[in-house]
Amino acid sequence: MLQIIVKNFDQLSAYELYDILQLRSEVFVVEQDCVYQDLDGKDDKALHVLGLKNNKIVAYTRIFKALDYLEQASIGRVVVRNNERKHKYGVAIMKASIEAIEEQFNETTIALSAQTYLIRFYNSLGFNEVGEEYLEDNIPHILMIKN
């Protein structure tokens, strides 16, 4: 069972922040073989949605209110540790993130920049593609919106 905790940047412990950055680097830099600047100066504006199993962060997103990152409220840095994906924690962390945006920001329109191989996953959560595919850090992405 995944325990979900939502925290703002100032509420994160040093250990939690370290775990988040380690997980993001493990997946987005090492697993996807993509050199990019993960530390983008936006974490302090985000709410952090932590998915914990046995007190270890195994799933994560960060969420933003409208205009803090994209025009709409948004979800980003969606990540699940490789050996935990079989448990469908991606669905759990996304549903928790959508709920947190609705509750914390009183927003129902939500955007995300999806890696294109995950379009069907995000479709299953109510997101639809908008516009054309684009490259972000040399990985095909597409803007997706949930109304």
N, C-alpha and C. Protein backbone atom coordinates (compact mmCIF):
# COMPACT_ATOMS: atom_id res chain seq x y z
N MET A 1 0.85 -1.19 0.00
CA MET A 1 0.00 0.00 0.00
C MET A 1 0.89 1.25 0.00
N LEU A 2 0.50 2.20 -0.82
CA LEU A 2 1.26 3.44 -0.95
C LEU A 2 0.68 4.49 -0.02
N GLN A 3 1.53 5.08 0.82
CA GLN A 3 1.11 6.17 1.68
C GLN A 3 1.42 7.48 0.94
N ILE A 4 0.44 8.36 0.84
CA ILE A 4 0.60 9.63 0.13
C ILE A 4 0.70 10.77 1.13
N ILE A 5 1.71 11.60 0.95
CA ILE A 5 1.89 12.80 1.76
C ILE A 5 2.13 13.97 0.81
N VAL A 6 1.48 15.10 1.06
CA VAL A 6 1.67 16.31 0.26
C VAL A 6 2.33 17.35 1.15
N LYS A 7 3.45 17.92 0.67
CA LYS A 7 4.18 18.91 1.44
C LYS A 7 4.63 20.05 0.54
N ASN A 8 4.73 21.24 1.13
CA ASN A 8 5.38 22.32 0.39
C ASN A 8 6.88 22.18 0.60
N PHE A 9 7.64 22.95 -0.13
CA PHE A 9 9.10 22.82 -0.12
C PHE A 9 9.69 22.97 1.29
N ASP A 10 9.19 23.97 2.03
CA ASP A 10 9.73 24.24 3.36
C ASP A 10 9.45 23.12 4.35
N GLN A 11 8.44 22.30 4.07
CA GLN A 11 8.10 21.20 4.97
C GLN A 11 8.93 19.93 4.73
N LEU A 12 9.61 19.87 3.60
CA LEU A 12 10.41 18.69 3.29
C LEU A 12 11.63 18.62 4.22
N SER A 13 11.89 17.45 4.76
CA SER A 13 13.12 17.26 5.53
C SER A 13 14.28 17.14 4.54
N ALA A 14 15.47 17.29 5.04
CA ALA A 14 16.65 17.10 4.20
C ALA A 14 16.67 15.68 3.63
N TYR A 15 16.26 14.71 4.42
CA TYR A 15 16.23 13.32 3.96
C TYR A 15 15.20 13.11 2.85
N GLU A 16 14.03 13.72 3.01
CA GLU A 16 13.01 13.61 1.97
C GLU A 16 13.48 14.26 0.68
N LEU A 17 14.05 15.45 0.78
CA LEU A 17 14.55 16.13 -0.41
C LEU A 17 15.63 15.30 -1.09
N TYR A 18 16.52 14.73 -0.32
CA TYR A 18 17.56 13.89 -0.88
C TYR A 18 16.94 12.69 -1.61
N ASP A 19 15.97 12.03 -0.98
CA ASP A 19 15.29 10.88 -1.61
C ASP A 19 14.61 11.27 -2.91
N ILE A 20 13.95 12.43 -2.91
CA ILE A 20 13.26 12.92 -4.12
C ILE A 20 14.27 13.14 -5.24
N LEU A 21 15.33 13.86 -4.95
CA LEU A 21 16.32 14.16 -5.97
C LEU A 21 17.03 12.90 -6.45
N GLN A 22 17.28 11.96 -5.54
CA GLN A 22 17.89 10.70 -5.92
C GLN A 22 16.97 9.92 -6.86
N LEU A 23 15.68 9.85 -6.54
CA LEU A 23 14.72 9.13 -7.38
C LEU A 23 14.60 9.79 -8.75
N ARG A 24 14.48 11.10 -8.78
CA ARG A 24 14.37 11.80 -10.06
C ARG A 24 15.61 11.57 -10.91
N SER A 25 16.79 11.63 -10.31
CA SER A 25 18.04 11.40 -11.04
C SER A 25 18.13 9.95 -11.52
N GLU A 26 17.75 9.02 -10.66
CA GLU A 26 17.81 7.59 -10.99
C GLU A 26 16.99 7.28 -12.25
N VAL A 27 15.81 7.88 -12.35
CA VAL A 27 14.92 7.59 -13.49
C VAL A 27 15.19 8.51 -14.67
N PHE A 28 15.14 9.83 -14.45
CA PHE A 28 15.19 10.77 -15.57
C PHE A 28 16.58 10.93 -16.17
N VAL A 29 17.63 10.77 -15.38
CA VAL A 29 18.99 10.94 -15.88
C VAL A 29 19.61 9.59 -16.24
N VAL A 30 19.63 8.65 -15.29
CA VAL A 30 20.33 7.38 -15.50
C VAL A 30 19.51 6.42 -16.35
N GLU A 31 18.30 6.08 -15.90
CA GLU A 31 17.48 5.09 -16.63
C GLU A 31 17.16 5.56 -18.04
N GLN A 32 16.80 6.84 -18.18
CA GLN A 32 16.43 7.34 -19.51
C GLN A 32 17.64 7.87 -20.28
N ASP A 33 18.82 7.76 -19.71
CA ASP A 33 20.06 8.17 -20.35
C ASP A 33 19.93 9.58 -20.94
N CYS A 34 19.52 10.51 -20.08
CA CYS A 34 19.25 11.88 -20.53
C CYS A 34 19.97 12.86 -19.60
N VAL A 35 20.92 13.56 -20.15
CA VAL A 35 21.61 14.58 -19.38
C VAL A 35 20.78 15.85 -19.45
N TYR A 36 20.26 16.28 -18.31
CA TYR A 36 19.48 17.51 -18.27
C TYR A 36 19.55 18.10 -16.88
N GLN A 37 19.14 19.36 -16.76
CA GLN A 37 19.20 20.07 -15.48
C GLN A 37 17.89 19.85 -14.72
N ASP A 38 17.87 18.85 -13.85
CA ASP A 38 16.68 18.57 -13.04
C ASP A 38 16.40 19.68 -12.03
N LEU A 39 17.45 20.20 -11.44
CA LEU A 39 17.30 21.27 -10.45
C LEU A 39 17.08 22.58 -11.19
N ASP A 40 15.80 22.89 -11.43
CA ASP A 40 15.42 23.98 -12.32
C ASP A 40 14.97 25.25 -11.60
N GLY A 41 15.12 25.30 -10.28
CA GLY A 41 14.73 26.50 -9.55
C GLY A 41 13.23 26.62 -9.32
N LYS A 42 12.47 25.56 -9.58
CA LYS A 42 11.02 25.63 -9.42
C LYS A 42 10.49 24.80 -8.26
N ASP A 43 11.33 23.98 -7.65
CA ASP A 43 10.86 23.12 -6.57
C ASP A 43 10.29 23.91 -5.40
N ASP A 44 10.81 25.10 -5.16
CA ASP A 44 10.32 25.88 -4.02
C ASP A 44 8.91 26.42 -4.24
N LYS A 45 8.45 26.49 -5.50
CA LYS A 45 7.09 26.95 -5.80
C LYS A 45 6.08 25.81 -5.83
N ALA A 46 6.57 24.59 -5.86
CA ALA A 46 5.71 23.42 -6.04
C ALA A 46 5.21 22.86 -4.71
N LEU A 47 4.11 22.12 -4.81
CA LEU A 47 3.75 21.19 -3.74
C LEU A 47 4.29 19.84 -4.17
N HIS A 48 4.81 19.08 -3.24
CA HIS A 48 5.46 17.81 -3.53
C HIS A 48 4.56 16.68 -3.04
N VAL A 49 4.23 15.78 -3.96
CA VAL A 49 3.35 14.66 -3.65
C VAL A 49 4.25 13.43 -3.53
N LEU A 50 4.38 12.93 -2.32
CA LEU A 50 5.27 11.83 -2.03
C LEU A 50 4.48 10.53 -1.88
N GLY A 51 4.93 9.51 -2.56
CA GLY A 51 4.35 8.18 -2.41
C GLY A 51 5.34 7.31 -1.66
N LEU A 52 5.02 6.94 -0.43
CA LEU A 52 5.94 6.19 0.42
C LEU A 52 5.51 4.74 0.60
N LYS A 53 6.50 3.88 0.60
CA LYS A 53 6.32 2.46 0.90
C LYS A 53 7.44 2.11 1.87
N ASN A 54 7.08 1.61 3.04
CA ASN A 54 8.07 1.31 4.08
C ASN A 54 8.96 2.53 4.37
N ASN A 55 8.34 3.70 4.45
CA ASN A 55 9.01 4.96 4.76
C ASN A 55 10.07 5.38 3.74
N LYS A 56 10.00 4.83 2.54
CA LYS A 56 10.92 5.20 1.46
C LYS A 56 10.10 5.77 0.30
N ILE A 57 10.55 6.87 -0.29
CA ILE A 57 9.83 7.46 -1.42
C ILE A 57 10.04 6.59 -2.65
N VAL A 58 8.93 6.03 -3.15
CA VAL A 58 9.00 5.17 -4.34
C VAL A 58 8.22 5.76 -5.51
N ALA A 59 7.41 6.80 -5.24
CA ALA A 59 6.65 7.49 -6.28
C ALA A 59 6.60 8.97 -5.90
N TYR A 60 6.50 9.82 -6.92
CA TYR A 60 6.60 11.25 -6.65
C TYR A 60 6.04 12.05 -7.83
N THR A 61 5.45 13.19 -7.51
CA THR A 61 5.19 14.24 -8.50
C THR A 61 5.39 15.59 -7.79
N ARG A 62 5.49 16.61 -8.60
CA ARG A 62 5.38 17.95 -8.04
C ARG A 62 4.24 18.63 -8.78
N ILE A 63 3.49 19.46 -8.06
CA ILE A 63 2.32 20.12 -8.65
C ILE A 63 2.44 21.63 -8.46
N PHE A 64 1.84 22.33 -9.42
CA PHE A 64 1.90 23.79 -9.42
C PHE A 64 0.51 24.37 -9.63
N LYS A 65 0.25 25.51 -9.01
CA LYS A 65 -0.98 26.23 -9.32
C LYS A 65 -0.81 26.91 -10.67
N ALA A 66 -1.91 27.33 -11.26
CA ALA A 66 -1.87 27.99 -12.57
C ALA A 66 -0.90 29.16 -12.54
N LEU A 67 -0.13 29.29 -13.62
CA LEU A 67 0.83 30.36 -13.87
C LEU A 67 2.14 30.24 -13.08
N ASP A 68 2.25 29.28 -12.17
CA ASP A 68 3.53 29.09 -11.49
C ASP A 68 4.50 28.27 -12.34
N TYR A 69 3.98 27.55 -13.31
CA TYR A 69 4.83 26.79 -14.24
C TYR A 69 4.24 26.86 -15.64
N LEU A 70 3.01 26.36 -15.78
CA LEU A 70 2.28 26.45 -17.04
C LEU A 70 1.09 27.38 -16.86
N GLU A 71 0.38 27.63 -17.95
CA GLU A 71 -0.80 28.49 -17.88
C GLU A 71 -1.86 27.91 -16.94
N GLN A 72 -2.00 26.59 -16.96
CA GLN A 72 -2.95 25.89 -16.10
C GLN A 72 -2.22 25.33 -14.88
N ALA A 73 -2.99 24.89 -13.89
CA ALA A 73 -2.38 24.10 -12.82
C ALA A 73 -1.71 22.91 -13.50
N SER A 74 -0.63 22.40 -12.93
CA SER A 74 0.11 21.37 -13.65
C SER A 74 0.75 20.34 -12.72
N ILE A 75 1.04 19.20 -13.34
CA ILE A 75 1.74 18.10 -12.67
C ILE A 75 3.02 17.84 -13.44
N GLY A 76 4.11 17.67 -12.72
CA GLY A 76 5.38 17.39 -13.38
C GLY A 76 6.24 16.43 -12.58
N ARG A 77 7.36 16.04 -13.19
CA ARG A 77 8.33 15.14 -12.57
C ARG A 77 7.64 13.87 -12.04
N VAL A 78 6.70 13.34 -12.82
CA VAL A 78 5.99 12.12 -12.44
C VAL A 78 6.97 10.95 -12.52
N VAL A 79 7.18 10.29 -11.40
CA VAL A 79 8.20 9.25 -11.37
C VAL A 79 7.83 8.15 -10.37
N VAL A 80 8.12 6.92 -10.77
CA VAL A 80 7.96 5.76 -9.91
C VAL A 80 9.24 4.93 -10.03
N ARG A 81 9.77 4.51 -8.89
CA ARG A 81 10.98 3.69 -8.89
C ARG A 81 10.74 2.44 -9.75
N ASN A 82 11.71 2.08 -10.57
CA ASN A 82 11.57 1.01 -11.56
C ASN A 82 11.00 -0.28 -10.97
N ASN A 83 11.54 -0.73 -9.86
CA ASN A 83 11.09 -2.02 -9.30
C ASN A 83 9.75 -1.94 -8.58
N GLU A 84 9.11 -0.77 -8.56
CA GLU A 84 7.80 -0.60 -7.93
C GLU A 84 6.68 -0.34 -8.94
N ARG A 85 7.01 -0.24 -10.22
CA ARG A 85 6.01 0.11 -11.24
C ARG A 85 4.94 -0.97 -11.40
N LYS A 86 5.29 -2.21 -11.15
CA LYS A 86 4.34 -3.32 -11.29
C LYS A 86 3.15 -3.19 -10.34
N HIS A 87 3.26 -2.36 -9.32
CA HIS A 87 2.19 -2.18 -8.33
C HIS A 87 1.19 -1.10 -8.71
N LYS A 88 1.36 -0.51 -9.90
CA LYS A 88 0.46 0.56 -10.39
C LYS A 88 0.53 1.83 -9.53
N TYR A 89 1.70 2.09 -8.96
CA TYR A 89 1.86 3.29 -8.16
C TYR A 89 1.79 4.56 -9.01
N GLY A 90 2.03 4.44 -10.31
CA GLY A 90 1.89 5.60 -11.19
C GLY A 90 0.47 6.11 -11.19
N VAL A 91 -0.49 5.20 -11.23
CA VAL A 91 -1.91 5.58 -11.18
C VAL A 91 -2.21 6.21 -9.82
N ALA A 92 -1.73 5.59 -8.75
CA ALA A 92 -2.01 6.09 -7.40
C ALA A 92 -1.44 7.49 -7.19
N ILE A 93 -0.19 7.72 -7.61
CA ILE A 93 0.43 9.03 -7.38
C ILE A 93 -0.23 10.10 -8.26
N MET A 94 -0.64 9.72 -9.47
CA MET A 94 -1.33 10.67 -10.34
C MET A 94 -2.71 11.04 -9.78
N LYS A 95 -3.46 10.05 -9.32
CA LYS A 95 -4.78 10.34 -8.75
C LYS A 95 -4.64 11.23 -7.51
N ALA A 96 -3.64 10.97 -6.70
CA ALA A 96 -3.39 11.80 -5.52
C ALA A 96 -3.00 13.22 -5.93
N SER A 97 -2.25 13.35 -7.01
CA SER A 97 -1.81 14.66 -7.49
C SER A 97 -2.99 15.46 -8.03
N ILE A 98 -3.85 14.80 -8.78
CA ILE A 98 -5.06 15.46 -9.30
C ILE A 98 -5.93 15.93 -8.15
N GLU A 99 -6.12 15.06 -7.17
CA GLU A 99 -6.92 15.40 -5.99
C GLU A 99 -6.29 16.57 -5.23
N ALA A 100 -4.98 16.57 -5.08
CA ALA A 100 -4.30 17.65 -4.37
C ALA A 100 -4.46 18.99 -5.10
N ILE A 101 -4.41 18.97 -6.42
CA ILE A 101 -4.61 20.20 -7.19
C ILE A 101 -6.04 20.72 -6.98
N GLU A 102 -7.00 19.81 -7.04
CA GLU A 102 -8.40 20.22 -6.84
C GLU A 102 -8.61 20.78 -5.45
N GLU A 103 -8.03 20.15 -4.44
CA GLU A 103 -8.23 20.58 -3.05
C GLU A 103 -7.39 21.79 -2.67
N GLN A 104 -6.11 21.78 -3.02
CA GLN A 104 -5.20 22.84 -2.59
C GLN A 104 -5.33 24.12 -3.43
N PHE A 105 -5.58 23.96 -4.73
CA PHE A 105 -5.60 25.11 -5.63
C PHE A 105 -6.99 25.43 -6.16
N ASN A 106 -7.97 24.60 -5.84
CA ASN A 106 -9.35 24.78 -6.34
C ASN A 106 -9.38 24.89 -7.87
N GLU A 107 -8.60 24.03 -8.51
CA GLU A 107 -8.49 24.01 -9.97
C GLU A 107 -8.97 22.65 -10.48
N THR A 108 -9.62 22.64 -11.65
CA THR A 108 -10.02 21.37 -12.26
C THR A 108 -9.38 21.18 -13.63
N THR A 109 -8.85 22.25 -14.21
CA THR A 109 -8.11 22.11 -15.47
C THR A 109 -6.64 21.92 -15.12
N ILE A 110 -6.10 20.80 -15.58
CA ILE A 110 -4.73 20.43 -15.21
C ILE A 110 -3.95 20.09 -16.47
N ALA A 111 -2.72 20.58 -16.55
CA ALA A 111 -1.86 20.32 -17.70
C ALA A 111 -0.64 19.52 -17.27
N LEU A 112 -0.04 18.85 -18.24
CA LEU A 112 1.26 18.21 -18.03
C LEU A 112 1.95 18.05 -19.36
N SER A 113 3.26 17.96 -19.30
CA SER A 113 4.08 17.72 -20.47
C SER A 113 4.46 16.25 -20.43
N ALA A 114 3.81 15.44 -21.26
CA ALA A 114 3.95 13.99 -21.19
C ALA A 114 4.98 13.47 -22.18
N GLN A 115 5.79 12.53 -21.73
CA GLN A 115 6.60 11.79 -22.67
C GLN A 115 5.63 11.00 -23.54
N THR A 116 5.81 11.04 -24.85
CA THR A 116 4.78 10.52 -25.76
C THR A 116 4.50 9.03 -25.58
N TYR A 117 5.46 8.26 -25.11
CA TYR A 117 5.20 6.83 -24.92
C TYR A 117 4.20 6.58 -23.78
N LEU A 118 3.90 7.63 -23.00
CA LEU A 118 2.97 7.51 -21.89
C LEU A 118 1.59 8.11 -22.19
N ILE A 119 1.33 8.45 -23.45
CA ILE A 119 0.04 9.07 -23.80
C ILE A 119 -1.13 8.22 -23.34
N ARG A 120 -1.14 6.93 -23.61
CA ARG A 120 -2.28 6.08 -23.22
C ARG A 120 -2.46 6.04 -21.70
N PHE A 121 -1.36 6.03 -20.96
CA PHE A 121 -1.42 6.07 -19.50
C PHE A 121 -2.16 7.33 -19.05
N TYR A 122 -1.75 8.49 -19.58
CA TYR A 122 -2.39 9.74 -19.19
C TYR A 122 -3.82 9.84 -19.72
N ASN A 123 -4.10 9.30 -20.92
CA ASN A 123 -5.47 9.24 -21.43
C ASN A 123 -6.37 8.52 -20.42
N SER A 124 -5.87 7.44 -19.83
CA SER A 124 -6.66 6.65 -18.89
C SER A 124 -7.02 7.44 -17.63
N LEU A 125 -6.30 8.53 -17.39
CA LEU A 125 -6.55 9.39 -16.23
C LEU A 125 -7.33 10.65 -16.61
N GLY A 126 -7.80 10.72 -17.87
CA GLY A 126 -8.62 11.84 -18.31
C GLY A 126 -7.90 12.95 -19.03
N PHE A 127 -6.62 12.78 -19.34
CA PHE A 127 -5.86 13.80 -20.05
C PHE A 127 -5.95 13.56 -21.56
N ASN A 128 -6.00 14.65 -22.32
CA ASN A 128 -6.05 14.57 -23.78
C ASN A 128 -4.92 15.41 -24.38
N GLU A 129 -4.39 14.93 -25.51
CA GLU A 129 -3.29 15.61 -26.18
C GLU A 129 -3.76 16.96 -26.74
N VAL A 130 -2.87 17.94 -26.67
CA VAL A 130 -3.13 19.27 -27.22
C VAL A 130 -1.93 19.66 -28.06
N GLY A 131 -2.16 20.01 -29.31
CA GLY A 131 -1.07 20.49 -30.15
C GLY A 131 -0.18 19.37 -30.68
N GLU A 132 1.01 19.78 -31.06
CA GLU A 132 1.96 18.88 -31.71
C GLU A 132 3.00 18.36 -30.73
N GLU A 133 3.56 17.24 -31.09
CA GLU A 133 4.67 16.66 -30.34
C GLU A 133 5.87 17.61 -30.42
N TYR A 134 6.68 17.64 -29.37
CA TYR A 134 7.89 18.46 -29.35
C TYR A 134 8.98 17.71 -28.58
N LEU A 135 10.21 18.14 -28.79
CA LEU A 135 11.32 17.54 -28.06
C LEU A 135 11.63 18.36 -26.82
N GLU A 136 11.74 17.67 -25.70
CA GLU A 136 12.18 18.29 -24.46
C GLU A 136 13.32 17.42 -23.96
N ASP A 137 14.50 18.00 -23.89
CA ASP A 137 15.71 17.25 -23.52
C ASP A 137 15.90 16.02 -24.41
N ASN A 138 15.62 16.22 -25.70
CA ASN A 138 15.76 15.18 -26.73
C ASN A 138 14.84 13.97 -26.55
N ILE A 139 13.76 14.14 -25.78
CA ILE A 139 12.76 13.09 -25.60
C ILE A 139 11.43 13.64 -26.11
N PRO A 140 10.73 12.88 -27.00
CA PRO A 140 9.44 13.35 -27.52
C PRO A 140 8.40 13.53 -26.40
N HIS A 141 7.78 14.70 -26.38
CA HIS A 141 6.75 15.06 -25.40
C HIS A 141 5.53 15.63 -26.13
N ILE A 142 4.43 15.69 -25.42
CA ILE A 142 3.25 16.38 -25.90
C ILE A 142 2.51 16.99 -24.72
N LEU A 143 1.95 18.19 -24.92
CA LEU A 143 1.15 18.83 -23.90
C LEU A 143 -0.16 18.06 -23.77
N MET A 144 -0.57 17.79 -22.55
CA MET A 144 -1.84 17.11 -22.30
C MET A 144 -2.62 17.90 -21.26
N ILE A 145 -3.95 17.95 -21.46
CA ILE A 145 -4.82 18.73 -20.57
C ILE A 145 -5.96 17.84 -20.09
N LYS A 146 -6.30 18.00 -18.82
CA LYS A 146 -7.48 17.35 -18.24
C LYS A 146 -8.41 18.48 -17.79
N ASN A 147 -9.65 18.44 -18.28
CA ASN A 147 -10.64 19.47 -17.89
C ASN A 147 -11.63 18.92 -16.89
